[in-house]
């Protein structure tokens, strides 16, 4: 037998995927981070891309060191 409260407030139907309002941005950021991590790993496994990345990093570090030295002296 149903109580008076059950008649006024019927139970909600369970859904397959709950609606996580407010977490859509977090879910998208996690997905994008996985994609970025995959791209970085894929490019690091390519020898030419690895050499190019290291060369660019060394050039940038050298330029930063040059600017700092010129500023100090």
N, C-alpha and C. Protein backbone atom coordinates (compact mmCIF):
# COMPACT_ATOMS: atom_id res chain seq x y z
N UNK A 1 0.84 -1.18 0.00
CA UNK A 1 0.00 0.00 0.00
C UNK A 1 0.89 1.24 0.00
N UNK A 2 0.52 2.21 -0.82
CA UNK A 2 1.31 3.42 -0.95
C UNK A 2 0.94 4.41 0.14
N UNK A 3 1.94 5.10 0.62
CA UNK A 3 1.67 6.12 1.62
C UNK A 3 1.30 7.42 0.93
N UNK A 4 0.86 8.37 1.71
CA UNK A 4 0.46 9.68 1.18
C UNK A 4 1.67 10.40 0.57
N UNK A 5 2.83 10.25 1.18
CA UNK A 5 4.04 10.91 0.69
C UNK A 5 4.48 10.35 -0.66
N UNK A 6 4.32 9.02 -0.88
CA UNK A 6 4.69 8.40 -2.15
C UNK A 6 3.80 8.89 -3.29
N UNK A 7 2.56 9.18 -2.99
CA UNK A 7 1.65 9.67 -4.03
C UNK A 7 2.03 11.09 -4.45
N UNK A 8 2.48 11.90 -3.52
CA UNK A 8 2.82 13.28 -3.83
C UNK A 8 4.18 13.40 -4.51
N UNK A 9 5.13 12.57 -4.11
CA UNK A 9 6.49 12.62 -4.66
C UNK A 9 6.86 11.25 -5.23
N UNK A 10 6.52 11.01 -6.49
CA UNK A 10 6.86 9.70 -7.07
C UNK A 10 8.39 9.59 -7.23
N UNK A 11 8.91 8.38 -7.15
CA UNK A 11 10.37 8.21 -7.29
C UNK A 11 10.82 8.59 -8.70
N UNK A 12 12.04 9.13 -8.77
CA UNK A 12 12.57 9.52 -10.08
C UNK A 12 13.02 8.28 -10.82
N UNK A 13 12.93 8.35 -12.14
CA UNK A 13 13.38 7.23 -12.96
C UNK A 13 14.90 7.28 -13.06
N UNK A 14 15.56 6.15 -12.81
CA UNK A 14 17.02 6.14 -12.95
C UNK A 14 17.40 6.21 -14.43
N UNK A 15 18.41 6.99 -14.72
CA UNK A 15 18.87 7.09 -16.10
C UNK A 15 20.19 6.34 -16.24
N UNK A 16 20.54 6.02 -17.47
CA UNK A 16 21.77 5.28 -17.72
C UNK A 16 22.99 6.12 -17.36
N UNK A 17 22.97 7.40 -17.72
CA UNK A 17 24.08 8.30 -17.41
C UNK A 17 23.53 9.50 -16.66
N UNK A 18 24.00 9.72 -15.45
CA UNK A 18 23.48 10.86 -14.69
C UNK A 18 23.94 12.18 -15.31
N UNK A 19 23.14 13.20 -15.13
CA UNK A 19 23.45 14.52 -15.65
C UNK A 19 24.35 15.23 -14.65
N UNK A 20 25.61 15.35 -14.96
CA UNK A 20 26.58 15.98 -14.09
C UNK A 20 26.74 17.44 -14.51
N UNK A 21 25.76 18.25 -14.16
CA UNK A 21 25.84 19.66 -14.51
C UNK A 21 27.02 20.30 -13.81
N UNK A 22 27.77 21.12 -14.55
CA UNK A 22 28.92 21.80 -13.98
C UNK A 22 30.22 21.04 -14.18
N UNK A 23 30.14 19.77 -14.52
CA UNK A 23 31.35 18.98 -14.71
C UNK A 23 31.69 18.79 -16.19
N UNK A 24 30.93 19.39 -17.08
CA UNK A 24 31.19 19.26 -18.51
C UNK A 24 32.54 19.86 -18.87
N UNK A 25 32.88 20.99 -18.26
CA UNK A 25 34.16 21.63 -18.55
C UNK A 25 35.32 20.77 -18.06
N UNK A 26 35.15 20.15 -16.91
CA UNK A 26 36.19 19.28 -16.37
C UNK A 26 36.37 18.06 -17.26
N UNK A 27 35.27 17.49 -17.71
CA UNK A 27 35.33 16.33 -18.58
C UNK A 27 36.03 16.68 -19.89
N UNK A 28 35.72 17.85 -20.44
CA UNK A 28 36.36 18.28 -21.68
C UNK A 28 37.85 18.52 -21.47
N UNK A 29 38.23 19.12 -20.35
CA UNK A 29 39.64 19.37 -20.06
C UNK A 29 40.42 18.06 -19.92
N UNK A 30 39.81 17.08 -19.29
CA UNK A 30 40.47 15.77 -19.15
C UNK A 30 40.67 15.14 -20.52
N UNK A 31 39.64 15.22 -21.37
CA UNK A 31 39.76 14.65 -22.72
C UNK A 31 40.83 15.38 -23.53
N UNK A 32 40.89 16.71 -23.42
CA UNK A 32 41.90 17.46 -24.16
C UNK A 32 43.30 17.17 -23.64
N UNK A 33 43.43 16.97 -22.33
CA UNK A 33 44.74 16.65 -21.76
C UNK A 33 45.21 15.30 -22.27
N UNK A 34 44.32 14.35 -22.38
CA UNK A 34 44.71 13.03 -22.91
C UNK A 34 45.15 13.16 -24.35
N UNK A 35 44.45 13.98 -25.12
CA UNK A 35 44.81 14.18 -26.52
C UNK A 35 46.17 14.86 -26.62
N UNK A 36 46.42 15.87 -25.80
CA UNK A 36 47.70 16.57 -25.81
C UNK A 36 48.82 15.63 -25.41
N UNK A 37 48.58 14.83 -24.37
CA UNK A 37 49.60 13.87 -23.92
C UNK A 37 49.91 12.88 -25.03
N UNK A 38 48.89 12.41 -25.74
CA UNK A 38 49.10 11.48 -26.85
C UNK A 38 49.92 12.14 -27.95
N UNK A 39 49.62 13.38 -28.28
CA UNK A 39 50.37 14.08 -29.33
C UNK A 39 51.82 14.27 -28.93
N UNK A 40 52.07 14.63 -27.67
CA UNK A 40 53.45 14.81 -27.21
C UNK A 40 54.22 13.49 -27.25
N UNK A 41 53.61 12.42 -26.81
CA UNK A 41 54.28 11.12 -26.84
C UNK A 41 54.56 10.68 -28.27
N UNK A 42 53.59 10.93 -29.15
CA UNK A 42 53.75 10.54 -30.55
C UNK A 42 54.87 11.34 -31.20
N UNK A 43 54.93 12.64 -30.95
CA UNK A 43 55.98 13.45 -31.56
C UNK A 43 57.34 13.15 -30.94
N UNK A 44 57.38 12.81 -29.64
CA UNK A 44 58.66 12.50 -29.00
C UNK A 44 59.22 11.18 -29.53
N UNK A 45 58.36 10.29 -29.98
CA UNK A 45 58.84 9.01 -30.51
C UNK A 45 59.42 9.16 -31.92
N UNK A 46 59.11 10.26 -32.61
CA UNK A 46 59.67 10.52 -33.93
C UNK A 46 61.06 11.15 -33.76
N UNK A 47 62.12 10.53 -34.29
CA UNK A 47 63.48 11.05 -34.08
C UNK A 47 63.68 12.47 -34.63
N UNK A 48 63.13 12.77 -35.77
CA UNK A 48 63.29 14.10 -36.35
C UNK A 48 62.59 15.17 -35.50
N UNK A 49 61.39 14.87 -35.06
CA UNK A 49 60.64 15.82 -34.22
C UNK A 49 61.34 16.00 -32.88
N UNK A 50 61.93 14.93 -32.34
CA UNK A 50 62.64 15.03 -31.08
C UNK A 50 63.86 15.94 -31.22
N UNK A 51 64.62 15.75 -32.28
CA UNK A 51 65.80 16.60 -32.51
C UNK A 51 65.41 18.05 -32.71
N UNK A 52 64.36 18.28 -33.45
CA UNK A 52 63.88 19.64 -33.67
C UNK A 52 63.43 20.28 -32.36
N UNK A 53 62.71 19.55 -31.54
CA UNK A 53 62.25 20.06 -30.25
C UNK A 53 63.41 20.40 -29.33
N UNK A 54 64.41 19.52 -29.30
CA UNK A 54 65.59 19.78 -28.46
C UNK A 54 66.34 21.00 -28.97
N UNK A 55 66.47 21.12 -30.30
CA UNK A 55 67.18 22.27 -30.87
C UNK A 55 66.46 23.58 -30.55
N UNK A 56 65.14 23.58 -30.63
CA UNK A 56 64.37 24.79 -30.31
C UNK A 56 64.51 25.13 -28.83
N UNK A 57 64.48 24.12 -27.96
CA UNK A 57 64.63 24.37 -26.52
C UNK A 57 66.01 24.92 -26.20
N UNK A 58 67.06 24.38 -26.84
CA UNK A 58 68.42 24.88 -26.61
C UNK A 58 68.55 26.31 -27.13
N UNK A 59 67.97 26.59 -28.29
CA UNK A 59 68.01 27.95 -28.84
C UNK A 59 67.31 28.93 -27.91
N UNK A 60 66.16 28.56 -27.42
CA UNK A 60 65.42 29.43 -26.50
C UNK A 60 66.20 29.66 -25.20
N UNK A 61 66.79 28.59 -24.65
CA UNK A 61 67.57 28.72 -23.42
C UNK A 61 68.81 29.59 -23.66
N UNK A 62 69.44 29.42 -24.82
CA UNK A 62 70.60 30.24 -25.15
C UNK A 62 70.24 31.71 -25.27
N UNK A 63 69.12 32.00 -25.91
CA UNK A 63 68.66 33.38 -26.04
C UNK A 63 68.34 33.98 -24.67
N UNK A 64 67.68 33.19 -23.82
CA UNK A 64 67.36 33.68 -22.48
C UNK A 64 68.63 33.95 -21.69
N UNK A 65 69.62 33.07 -21.81
CA UNK A 65 70.90 33.29 -21.11
C UNK A 65 71.59 34.54 -21.65
N UNK A 66 71.57 34.73 -22.96
CA UNK A 66 72.18 35.92 -23.57
C UNK A 66 71.52 37.19 -23.06
N UNK A 67 70.21 37.22 -23.00
CA UNK A 67 69.49 38.40 -22.54
C UNK A 67 69.82 38.68 -21.07
N UNK A 68 69.85 37.63 -20.25
CA UNK A 68 70.16 37.81 -18.83
C UNK A 68 71.59 38.33 -18.64
N UNK A 69 72.55 37.75 -19.38
CA UNK A 69 73.94 38.19 -19.26
C UNK A 69 74.09 39.63 -19.73
N UNK A 70 73.47 40.00 -20.83
CA UNK A 70 73.57 41.36 -21.35
C UNK A 70 72.91 42.36 -20.39
N UNK A 71 71.89 41.94 -19.71
CA UNK A 71 71.20 42.81 -18.76
C UNK A 71 72.04 43.06 -17.51
N UNK A 72 72.72 42.02 -17.05
CA UNK A 72 73.51 42.10 -15.81
C UNK A 72 74.79 42.89 -16.04
N UNK A 73 75.48 42.64 -17.15
CA UNK A 73 76.77 43.29 -17.38
C UNK A 73 76.60 44.48 -18.22
